[in-house]
Amino acid sequence: MSNKNKGKERFTEVRNAKAFRNYEIGEKFEAGMVLRGTEVKSIRNSKAQINEAFCRVQKEEVFLYHAHIAEYAFGNLNNHDPRRLRKLLLKRREINKIRGALEMQGKTLIPIRLYLAHGLVKVEVALCVGKKLYDKRQDLKKRVQMREIDRALKNR
């Protein structure tokens, strides 16, 4: 093995591209996840998707729904269900803050990214408000304008 590849991680992060397109991102929280061994191995192999995932608060706990973590290729009978319910680990103060925002302000809790931090799998969740169609159009117009400005500056 060469020295170049020793320090590199196989897995960097999984991002939720739909979240930035369909929601206005608000306050962010970092949460741990309760996982099984085969799930961690699949995540390290970049076999996870959180595009359609969302979170709910139930009985003082936060759960992640519809996150797809593929079965581990070398798993045996103890392999996990790809779309099972996963518990998120947050502080009580954060859970209370999230519950208040979900009930009173009409926000949703969406996972933004999934990553490794010091060998532990973390998920970054954010309180989001859904964008209307005209908000999405405004974002597209801004992107096109910025692209034209960059081209003009480049050709200068």
N, C-alpha and C. Protein backbone atom coordinates (compact mmCIF):
# COMPACT_ATOMS: atom_id res chain seq x y z
N MET A 1 0.84 -1.18 0.00
CA MET A 1 0.00 0.00 0.00
C MET A 1 0.89 1.24 0.00
N SER A 2 0.58 2.20 -0.84
CA SER A 2 1.42 3.40 -0.93
C SER A 2 1.09 4.35 0.22
N ASN A 3 2.03 5.26 0.47
CA ASN A 3 1.85 6.22 1.55
C ASN A 3 0.73 7.21 1.25
N LYS A 4 0.45 7.44 -0.01
CA LYS A 4 -0.59 8.40 -0.40
C LYS A 4 -1.97 7.94 0.05
N ASN A 5 -2.23 6.65 -0.03
CA ASN A 5 -3.57 6.13 0.26
C ASN A 5 -3.80 5.82 1.74
N LYS A 6 -2.73 5.83 2.56
CA LYS A 6 -2.89 5.45 3.96
C LYS A 6 -3.77 6.42 4.72
N GLY A 7 -3.59 7.71 4.55
CA GLY A 7 -4.31 8.70 5.33
C GLY A 7 -5.71 9.00 4.83
N LYS A 8 -6.04 8.58 3.64
CA LYS A 8 -7.33 8.92 3.05
C LYS A 8 -8.44 8.04 3.59
N GLU A 9 -9.58 8.65 3.81
CA GLU A 9 -10.77 7.92 4.22
C GLU A 9 -11.47 7.39 2.97
N ARG A 10 -12.12 6.25 3.09
CA ARG A 10 -12.89 5.72 1.98
C ARG A 10 -14.19 6.48 1.83
N PHE A 11 -14.72 6.95 2.94
CA PHE A 11 -16.03 7.58 2.97
C PHE A 11 -15.88 9.01 3.45
N THR A 12 -16.47 9.96 2.75
CA THR A 12 -16.42 11.33 3.23
C THR A 12 -17.75 11.73 3.82
N GLU A 13 -18.79 11.78 3.00
CA GLU A 13 -20.12 12.10 3.50
C GLU A 13 -21.18 11.84 2.44
N VAL A 14 -22.42 11.71 2.90
CA VAL A 14 -23.57 11.57 2.01
C VAL A 14 -24.42 12.81 2.22
N ARG A 15 -24.74 13.52 1.14
CA ARG A 15 -25.53 14.75 1.24
C ARG A 15 -26.94 14.53 0.72
N ASN A 16 -27.85 15.32 1.24
CA ASN A 16 -29.25 15.30 0.81
C ASN A 16 -29.44 16.47 -0.15
N ALA A 17 -29.35 16.21 -1.44
CA ALA A 17 -29.44 17.28 -2.45
C ALA A 17 -30.84 17.86 -2.53
N LYS A 18 -31.85 17.04 -2.31
CA LYS A 18 -33.23 17.52 -2.40
C LYS A 18 -33.56 18.51 -1.28
N ALA A 19 -32.89 18.41 -0.17
CA ALA A 19 -33.18 19.30 0.96
C ALA A 19 -32.88 20.75 0.61
N PHE A 20 -31.77 21.00 -0.05
CA PHE A 20 -31.40 22.37 -0.38
C PHE A 20 -32.27 22.93 -1.50
N ARG A 21 -32.82 22.06 -2.33
CA ARG A 21 -33.67 22.50 -3.42
C ARG A 21 -35.11 22.76 -2.97
N ASN A 22 -35.63 21.92 -2.07
CA ASN A 22 -37.03 21.97 -1.71
C ASN A 22 -37.33 22.67 -0.38
N TYR A 23 -36.30 22.97 0.41
CA TYR A 23 -36.52 23.55 1.73
C TYR A 23 -35.58 24.73 1.98
N GLU A 24 -36.03 25.64 2.81
CA GLU A 24 -35.16 26.68 3.35
C GLU A 24 -34.59 26.13 4.65
N ILE A 25 -33.29 26.05 4.72
CA ILE A 25 -32.62 25.42 5.85
C ILE A 25 -32.54 26.40 7.01
N GLY A 26 -32.94 25.93 8.18
CA GLY A 26 -32.90 26.75 9.39
C GLY A 26 -31.80 26.27 10.33
N GLU A 27 -32.15 26.12 11.59
CA GLU A 27 -31.18 25.73 12.61
C GLU A 27 -30.76 24.28 12.41
N LYS A 28 -29.45 24.01 12.58
CA LYS A 28 -28.89 22.67 12.37
C LYS A 28 -28.48 22.05 13.70
N PHE A 29 -28.59 20.72 13.75
CA PHE A 29 -28.19 19.96 14.92
C PHE A 29 -27.37 18.76 14.47
N GLU A 30 -26.36 18.38 15.27
CA GLU A 30 -25.57 17.19 15.00
C GLU A 30 -26.06 16.08 15.93
N ALA A 31 -26.38 14.93 15.36
CA ALA A 31 -26.92 13.82 16.15
C ALA A 31 -26.15 12.54 15.84
N GLY A 32 -26.03 11.71 16.84
CA GLY A 32 -25.49 10.37 16.65
C GLY A 32 -26.62 9.46 16.20
N MET A 33 -26.27 8.26 15.76
CA MET A 33 -27.28 7.29 15.32
C MET A 33 -27.05 5.96 16.02
N VAL A 34 -28.14 5.28 16.33
CA VAL A 34 -28.06 3.92 16.87
C VAL A 34 -28.06 2.99 15.66
N LEU A 35 -26.93 2.33 15.42
CA LEU A 35 -26.75 1.48 14.24
C LEU A 35 -26.26 0.10 14.64
N ARG A 36 -26.40 -0.82 13.71
CA ARG A 36 -25.83 -2.16 13.86
C ARG A 36 -24.50 -2.19 13.12
N GLY A 37 -23.72 -3.22 13.38
CA GLY A 37 -22.38 -3.32 12.79
C GLY A 37 -22.38 -3.36 11.28
N THR A 38 -23.32 -4.09 10.68
CA THR A 38 -23.35 -4.18 9.22
C THR A 38 -23.76 -2.84 8.60
N GLU A 39 -24.54 -2.04 9.32
CA GLU A 39 -24.93 -0.72 8.81
C GLU A 39 -23.72 0.20 8.75
N VAL A 40 -22.89 0.15 9.77
CA VAL A 40 -21.69 0.99 9.80
C VAL A 40 -20.76 0.61 8.66
N LYS A 41 -20.61 -0.68 8.42
CA LYS A 41 -19.75 -1.13 7.33
C LYS A 41 -20.29 -0.69 5.97
N SER A 42 -21.59 -0.72 5.79
CA SER A 42 -22.18 -0.26 4.53
C SER A 42 -21.99 1.24 4.36
N ILE A 43 -22.14 1.99 5.43
CA ILE A 43 -21.95 3.45 5.35
C ILE A 43 -20.51 3.78 5.01
N ARG A 44 -19.57 3.05 5.58
CA ARG A 44 -18.15 3.27 5.25
C ARG A 44 -17.86 2.98 3.77
N ASN A 45 -18.65 2.09 3.17
CA ASN A 45 -18.51 1.77 1.74
C ASN A 45 -19.36 2.69 0.87
N SER A 46 -19.91 3.77 1.43
CA SER A 46 -20.73 4.76 0.73
C SER A 46 -21.99 4.16 0.12
N LYS A 47 -22.63 3.27 0.84
CA LYS A 47 -23.85 2.62 0.36
C LYS A 47 -25.07 3.13 1.13
N ALA A 48 -25.19 4.45 1.24
CA ALA A 48 -26.30 5.04 1.99
C ALA A 48 -26.93 6.17 1.19
N GLN A 49 -28.23 6.37 1.39
CA GLN A 49 -28.97 7.48 0.76
C GLN A 49 -29.91 8.09 1.78
N ILE A 50 -29.98 9.43 1.81
CA ILE A 50 -30.89 10.11 2.72
C ILE A 50 -31.75 11.12 1.97
N ASN A 51 -31.89 10.97 0.66
CA ASN A 51 -32.66 11.92 -0.14
C ASN A 51 -34.12 11.98 0.24
N GLU A 52 -34.72 10.87 0.60
CA GLU A 52 -36.14 10.84 0.92
C GLU A 52 -36.39 10.71 2.42
N ALA A 53 -35.36 10.90 3.22
CA ALA A 53 -35.48 10.69 4.66
C ALA A 53 -36.05 11.92 5.36
N PHE A 54 -36.67 11.67 6.51
CA PHE A 54 -37.18 12.73 7.38
C PHE A 54 -37.16 12.23 8.81
N CYS A 55 -37.37 13.13 9.76
CA CYS A 55 -37.31 12.78 11.18
C CYS A 55 -38.61 13.16 11.88
N ARG A 56 -38.93 12.42 12.93
CA ARG A 56 -40.09 12.70 13.77
C ARG A 56 -39.71 12.54 15.23
N VAL A 57 -40.40 13.28 16.08
CA VAL A 57 -40.20 13.16 17.52
C VAL A 57 -41.35 12.32 18.07
N GLN A 58 -41.01 11.23 18.77
CA GLN A 58 -42.01 10.35 19.37
C GLN A 58 -41.56 10.00 20.79
N LYS A 59 -42.40 10.32 21.77
CA LYS A 59 -42.15 9.97 23.16
C LYS A 59 -40.75 10.39 23.62
N GLU A 60 -40.42 11.65 23.47
CA GLU A 60 -39.14 12.20 23.93
C GLU A 60 -37.93 11.65 23.18
N GLU A 61 -38.12 11.04 22.01
CA GLU A 61 -37.02 10.52 21.21
C GLU A 61 -37.21 10.92 19.76
N VAL A 62 -36.11 11.04 19.03
CA VAL A 62 -36.15 11.43 17.62
C VAL A 62 -35.77 10.21 16.79
N PHE A 63 -36.57 9.94 15.73
CA PHE A 63 -36.32 8.80 14.86
C PHE A 63 -36.15 9.25 13.43
N LEU A 64 -35.30 8.55 12.69
CA LEU A 64 -35.04 8.81 11.28
C LEU A 64 -35.81 7.78 10.45
N TYR A 65 -36.64 8.28 9.54
CA TYR A 65 -37.47 7.44 8.68
C TYR A 65 -36.94 7.47 7.24
N HIS A 66 -37.09 6.36 6.54
CA HIS A 66 -36.83 6.22 5.10
C HIS A 66 -35.39 6.51 4.68
N ALA A 67 -34.44 6.38 5.59
CA ALA A 67 -33.03 6.45 5.20
C ALA A 67 -32.64 5.06 4.71
N HIS A 68 -32.04 4.98 3.53
CA HIS A 68 -31.70 3.69 2.95
C HIS A 68 -30.21 3.42 3.14
N ILE A 69 -29.91 2.40 3.91
CA ILE A 69 -28.54 1.92 4.07
C ILE A 69 -28.53 0.50 3.53
N ALA A 70 -27.82 0.29 2.43
CA ALA A 70 -27.83 -1.00 1.75
C ALA A 70 -27.28 -2.10 2.65
N GLU A 71 -27.75 -3.32 2.40
CA GLU A 71 -27.23 -4.45 3.16
C GLU A 71 -25.75 -4.62 2.87
N TYR A 72 -25.01 -5.03 3.89
CA TYR A 72 -23.58 -5.24 3.75
C TYR A 72 -23.34 -6.46 2.87
N ALA A 73 -22.45 -6.33 1.90
CA ALA A 73 -22.23 -7.39 0.91
C ALA A 73 -21.75 -8.69 1.54
N PHE A 74 -20.95 -8.60 2.60
CA PHE A 74 -20.40 -9.80 3.23
C PHE A 74 -21.13 -10.14 4.53
N GLY A 75 -22.32 -9.57 4.69
CA GLY A 75 -23.11 -9.87 5.90
C GLY A 75 -23.70 -11.26 5.82
N ASN A 76 -24.09 -11.78 6.97
CA ASN A 76 -24.68 -13.11 7.01
C ASN A 76 -26.13 -13.00 7.44
N LEU A 77 -26.62 -13.91 8.21
CA LEU A 77 -28.01 -13.89 8.67
C LEU A 77 -28.32 -12.66 9.53
N ASN A 78 -27.31 -12.07 10.12
CA ASN A 78 -27.51 -10.92 11.00
C ASN A 78 -27.52 -9.59 10.24
N ASN A 79 -27.65 -9.64 8.92
CA ASN A 79 -27.69 -8.42 8.13
C ASN A 79 -28.95 -7.62 8.49
N HIS A 80 -28.92 -6.32 8.27
CA HIS A 80 -30.00 -5.41 8.68
C HIS A 80 -31.01 -5.17 7.56
N ASP A 81 -32.17 -4.63 7.93
CA ASP A 81 -33.19 -4.21 6.98
C ASP A 81 -32.78 -2.83 6.44
N PRO A 82 -32.72 -2.64 5.13
CA PRO A 82 -32.21 -1.37 4.57
C PRO A 82 -32.98 -0.12 4.97
N ARG A 83 -34.29 -0.21 5.15
CA ARG A 83 -35.09 0.98 5.46
C ARG A 83 -35.66 0.97 6.88
N ARG A 84 -34.96 0.37 7.81
CA ARG A 84 -35.50 0.27 9.16
C ARG A 84 -35.48 1.64 9.86
N LEU A 85 -36.26 1.74 10.90
CA LEU A 85 -36.35 2.96 11.71
C LEU A 85 -35.08 3.08 12.54
N ARG A 86 -34.46 4.27 12.56
CA ARG A 86 -33.21 4.46 13.29
C ARG A 86 -33.36 5.59 14.30
N LYS A 87 -32.91 5.34 15.50
CA LYS A 87 -33.01 6.33 16.57
C LYS A 87 -31.84 7.30 16.49
N LEU A 88 -32.14 8.59 16.65
CA LEU A 88 -31.11 9.62 16.68
C LEU A 88 -30.83 10.00 18.13
N LEU A 89 -29.58 10.26 18.41
CA LEU A 89 -29.15 10.60 19.77
C LEU A 89 -28.90 12.09 19.86
N LEU A 90 -29.80 12.78 20.58
CA LEU A 90 -29.71 14.22 20.79
C LEU A 90 -29.85 14.51 22.27
N LYS A 91 -29.43 15.69 22.69
CA LYS A 91 -29.60 16.09 24.08
C LYS A 91 -31.06 16.47 24.32
N ARG A 92 -31.49 16.31 25.56
CA ARG A 92 -32.88 16.60 25.92
C ARG A 92 -33.26 18.03 25.56
N ARG A 93 -32.39 18.97 25.80
CA ARG A 93 -32.64 20.37 25.49
C ARG A 93 -32.88 20.58 23.99
N GLU A 94 -32.08 19.89 23.16
CA GLU A 94 -32.26 19.98 21.71
C GLU A 94 -33.56 19.35 21.26
N ILE A 95 -33.92 18.22 21.87
CA ILE A 95 -35.17 17.55 21.51
C ILE A 95 -36.37 18.44 21.84
N ASN A 96 -36.33 19.08 22.99
CA ASN A 96 -37.42 19.98 23.37
C ASN A 96 -37.53 21.17 22.42
N LYS A 97 -36.40 21.70 22.01
CA LYS A 97 -36.38 22.82 21.06
C LYS A 97 -36.96 22.38 19.71
N ILE A 98 -36.58 21.20 19.25
CA ILE A 98 -37.07 20.68 17.98
C ILE A 98 -38.57 20.43 18.06
N ARG A 99 -39.04 19.82 19.15
CA ARG A 99 -40.46 19.54 19.29
C ARG A 99 -41.28 20.83 19.26
N GLY A 100 -40.81 21.86 19.94
CA GLY A 100 -41.50 23.14 19.94
C GLY A 100 -41.60 23.74 18.55
N ALA A 101 -40.51 23.65 17.80
CA ALA A 101 -40.51 24.20 16.44
C ALA A 101 -41.42 23.40 15.51
N LEU A 102 -41.45 22.09 15.67
CA LEU A 102 -42.29 21.26 14.82
C LEU A 102 -43.77 21.48 15.10
N GLU A 103 -44.13 21.66 16.36
CA GLU A 103 -45.54 21.83 16.72
C GLU A 103 -46.04 23.26 16.47
N MET A 104 -45.27 24.25 16.87
CA MET A 104 -45.75 25.62 16.85
C MET A 104 -45.50 26.33 15.52
N GLN A 105 -44.37 26.12 14.92
CA GLN A 105 -43.98 26.91 13.76
C GLN A 105 -44.21 26.19 12.43
N GLY A 106 -44.64 24.96 12.45
CA GLY A 106 -44.92 24.25 11.21
C GLY A 106 -43.68 23.91 10.39
N LYS A 107 -42.59 23.62 11.07
CA LYS A 107 -41.36 23.25 10.37
C LYS A 107 -41.26 21.74 10.28
N THR A 108 -40.30 21.26 9.48
CA THR A 108 -40.02 19.83 9.38
C THR A 108 -38.56 19.60 9.73
N LEU A 109 -38.25 18.40 10.17
CA LEU A 109 -36.88 18.04 10.52
C LEU A 109 -36.34 17.11 9.44
N ILE A 110 -35.34 17.59 8.70
CA ILE A 110 -34.79 16.90 7.54
C ILE A 110 -33.30 16.62 7.77
N PRO A 111 -32.82 15.40 7.45
CA PRO A 111 -31.37 15.15 7.52
C PRO A 111 -30.67 15.82 6.33
N ILE A 112 -29.62 16.54 6.62
CA ILE A 112 -28.87 17.27 5.59
C ILE A 112 -27.70 16.44 5.08
N ARG A 113 -26.95 15.85 5.99
CA ARG A 113 -25.80 15.04 5.58
C ARG A 113 -25.51 13.97 6.61
N LEU A 114 -24.83 12.93 6.16
CA LEU A 114 -24.44 11.78 6.96
C LEU A 114 -22.94 11.65 6.81
N TYR A 115 -22.20 11.59 7.92
CA TYR A 115 -20.75 11.59 7.84
C TYR A 115 -20.13 10.86 9.02
N LEU A 116 -18.83 10.61 8.94
CA LEU A 116 -18.07 9.98 10.01
C LEU A 116 -17.30 11.05 10.77
N ALA A 117 -17.37 11.00 12.08
CA ALA A 117 -16.61 11.92 12.92
C ALA A 117 -15.90 11.09 13.99
N HIS A 118 -14.58 10.96 13.88
CA HIS A 118 -13.78 10.20 14.84
C HIS A 118 -14.27 8.76 14.98
N GLY A 119 -14.62 8.14 13.86
CA GLY A 119 -15.04 6.76 13.85
C GLY A 119 -16.51 6.53 14.15
N LEU A 120 -17.26 7.58 14.46
CA LEU A 120 -18.68 7.47 14.75
C LEU A 120 -19.49 8.04 13.61
N VAL A 121 -20.63 7.43 13.32
CA VAL A 121 -21.50 7.92 12.26
C VAL A 121 -22.39 9.01 12.85
N LYS A 122 -22.36 10.18 12.24
CA LYS A 122 -23.17 11.31 12.68
C LYS A 122 -24.10 11.72 11.55
N VAL A 123 -25.23 12.30 11.90
CA VAL A 123 -26.15 12.85 10.92
C VAL A 123 -26.44 14.29 11.33
N GLU A 124 -26.39 15.17 10.36
CA GLU A 124 -26.71 16.58 10.60
C GLU A 124 -28.15 16.80 10.16
N VAL A 125 -29.00 17.19 11.10
CA VAL A 125 -30.41 17.44 10.81
C VAL A 125 -30.68 18.93 10.96
N ALA A 126 -31.67 19.42 10.21
CA ALA A 126 -32.00 20.84 10.25
C ALA A 126 -33.50 21.03 10.29
N LEU A 127 -33.91 22.09 10.98
CA LEU A 127 -35.31 22.51 10.96
C LEU A 127 -35.52 23.28 9.67
N CYS A 128 -36.45 22.84 8.85
CA CYS A 128 -36.63 23.40 7.51
C CYS A 128 -38.07 23.86 7.29
N VAL A 129 -38.21 24.82 6.38
CA VAL A 129 -39.53 25.27 5.93
C VAL A 129 -39.59 24.99 4.43
N GLY A 130 -40.68 24.40 3.98
CA GLY A 130 -40.82 24.06 2.57
C GLY A 130 -40.88 25.29 1.69
N LYS A 131 -40.20 25.23 0.54
CA LYS A 131 -40.22 26.33 -0.42
C LYS A 131 -41.46 26.22 -1.30
N LYS A 132 -41.97 27.36 -1.70
CA LYS A 132 -43.05 27.42 -2.68
C LYS A 132 -42.43 27.39 -4.07
N LEU A 133 -43.25 27.22 -5.09
CA LEU A 133 -42.76 27.14 -6.45
C LEU A 133 -42.06 28.42 -6.87
N TYR A 134 -42.61 29.58 -6.45
CA TYR A 134 -41.99 30.84 -6.85
C TYR A 134 -40.65 31.05 -6.17
N ASP A 135 -40.45 30.48 -4.97
CA ASP A 135 -39.14 30.54 -4.31
C ASP A 135 -38.11 29.76 -5.10
N LYS A 136 -38.51 28.60 -5.61
CA LYS A 136 -37.59 27.78 -6.40
C LYS A 136 -37.20 28.49 -7.68
N ARG A 137 -38.17 29.17 -8.29
CA ARG A 137 -37.88 29.92 -9.52
C ARG A 137 -36.90 31.05 -9.25
N GLN A 138 -37.05 31.73 -8.12
CA GLN A 138 -36.13 32.81 -7.76
C GLN A 138 -34.71 32.27 -7.59
N ASP A 139 -34.58 31.10 -6.96
CA ASP A 139 -33.27 30.49 -6.79
C ASP A 139 -32.63 30.15 -8.14
N LEU A 140 -33.44 29.63 -9.08
CA LEU A 140 -32.91 29.32 -10.41
C LEU A 140 -32.44 30.58 -11.11
N LYS A 141 -33.22 31.67 -11.01
CA LYS A 141 -32.82 32.93 -11.63
C LYS A 141 -31.52 33.45 -11.04
N LYS A 142 -31.37 33.37 -9.73
CA LYS A 142 -30.13 33.82 -9.09
C LYS A 142 -28.94 33.00 -9.56
N ARG A 143 -29.13 31.67 -9.68
CA ARG A 143 -28.04 30.82 -10.13
C ARG A 143 -27.62 31.16 -11.56
N VAL A 144 -28.60 31.40 -12.44
CA VAL A 144 -28.30 31.75 -13.83
C VAL A 144 -27.56 33.09 -13.88
N GLN A 145 -27.99 34.06 -13.10
CA GLN A 145 -27.33 35.36 -13.07
C GLN A 145 -25.89 35.24 -12.57
N MET A 146 -25.68 34.45 -11.53
CA MET A 146 -24.32 34.27 -11.00
C MET A 146 -23.43 33.57 -12.03
N ARG A 147 -23.98 32.62 -12.76
CA ARG A 147 -23.22 31.93 -13.79
C ARG A 147 -22.81 32.91 -14.90
N GLU A 148 -23.74 33.79 -15.31
CA GLU A 148 -23.43 34.78 -16.34
C GLU A 148 -22.37 35.77 -15.86
N ILE A 149 -22.45 36.17 -14.62
CA ILE A 149 -21.44 37.08 -14.05
C ILE A 149 -20.08 36.41 -14.04
N ASP A 150 -20.02 35.16 -13.64
CA ASP A 150 -18.74 34.43 -13.61
C ASP A 150 -18.16 34.29 -15.02
N ARG A 151 -19.00 34.03 -16.01
CA ARG A 151 -18.52 33.94 -17.41
C ARG A 151 -17.97 35.27 -17.88
N ALA A 152 -18.68 36.34 -17.56
CA ALA A 152 -18.23 37.67 -17.98
C ALA A 152 -16.89 38.03 -17.35
N LEU A 153 -16.73 37.73 -16.09
CA LEU A 153 -15.47 38.01 -15.41
C LEU A 153 -14.35 37.14 -15.94
N LYS A 154 -14.67 35.91 -16.30
CA LYS A 154 -13.66 34.99 -16.82
C LYS A 154 -13.17 35.44 -18.18
N ASN A 155 -14.08 35.90 -19.04
CA ASN A 155 -13.71 36.33 -20.39
C ASN A 155 -13.03 37.69 -20.40
N ARG A 156 -13.12 38.42 -19.34
CA ARG A 156 -12.51 39.74 -19.25
C ARG A 156 -11.05 39.60 -19.24
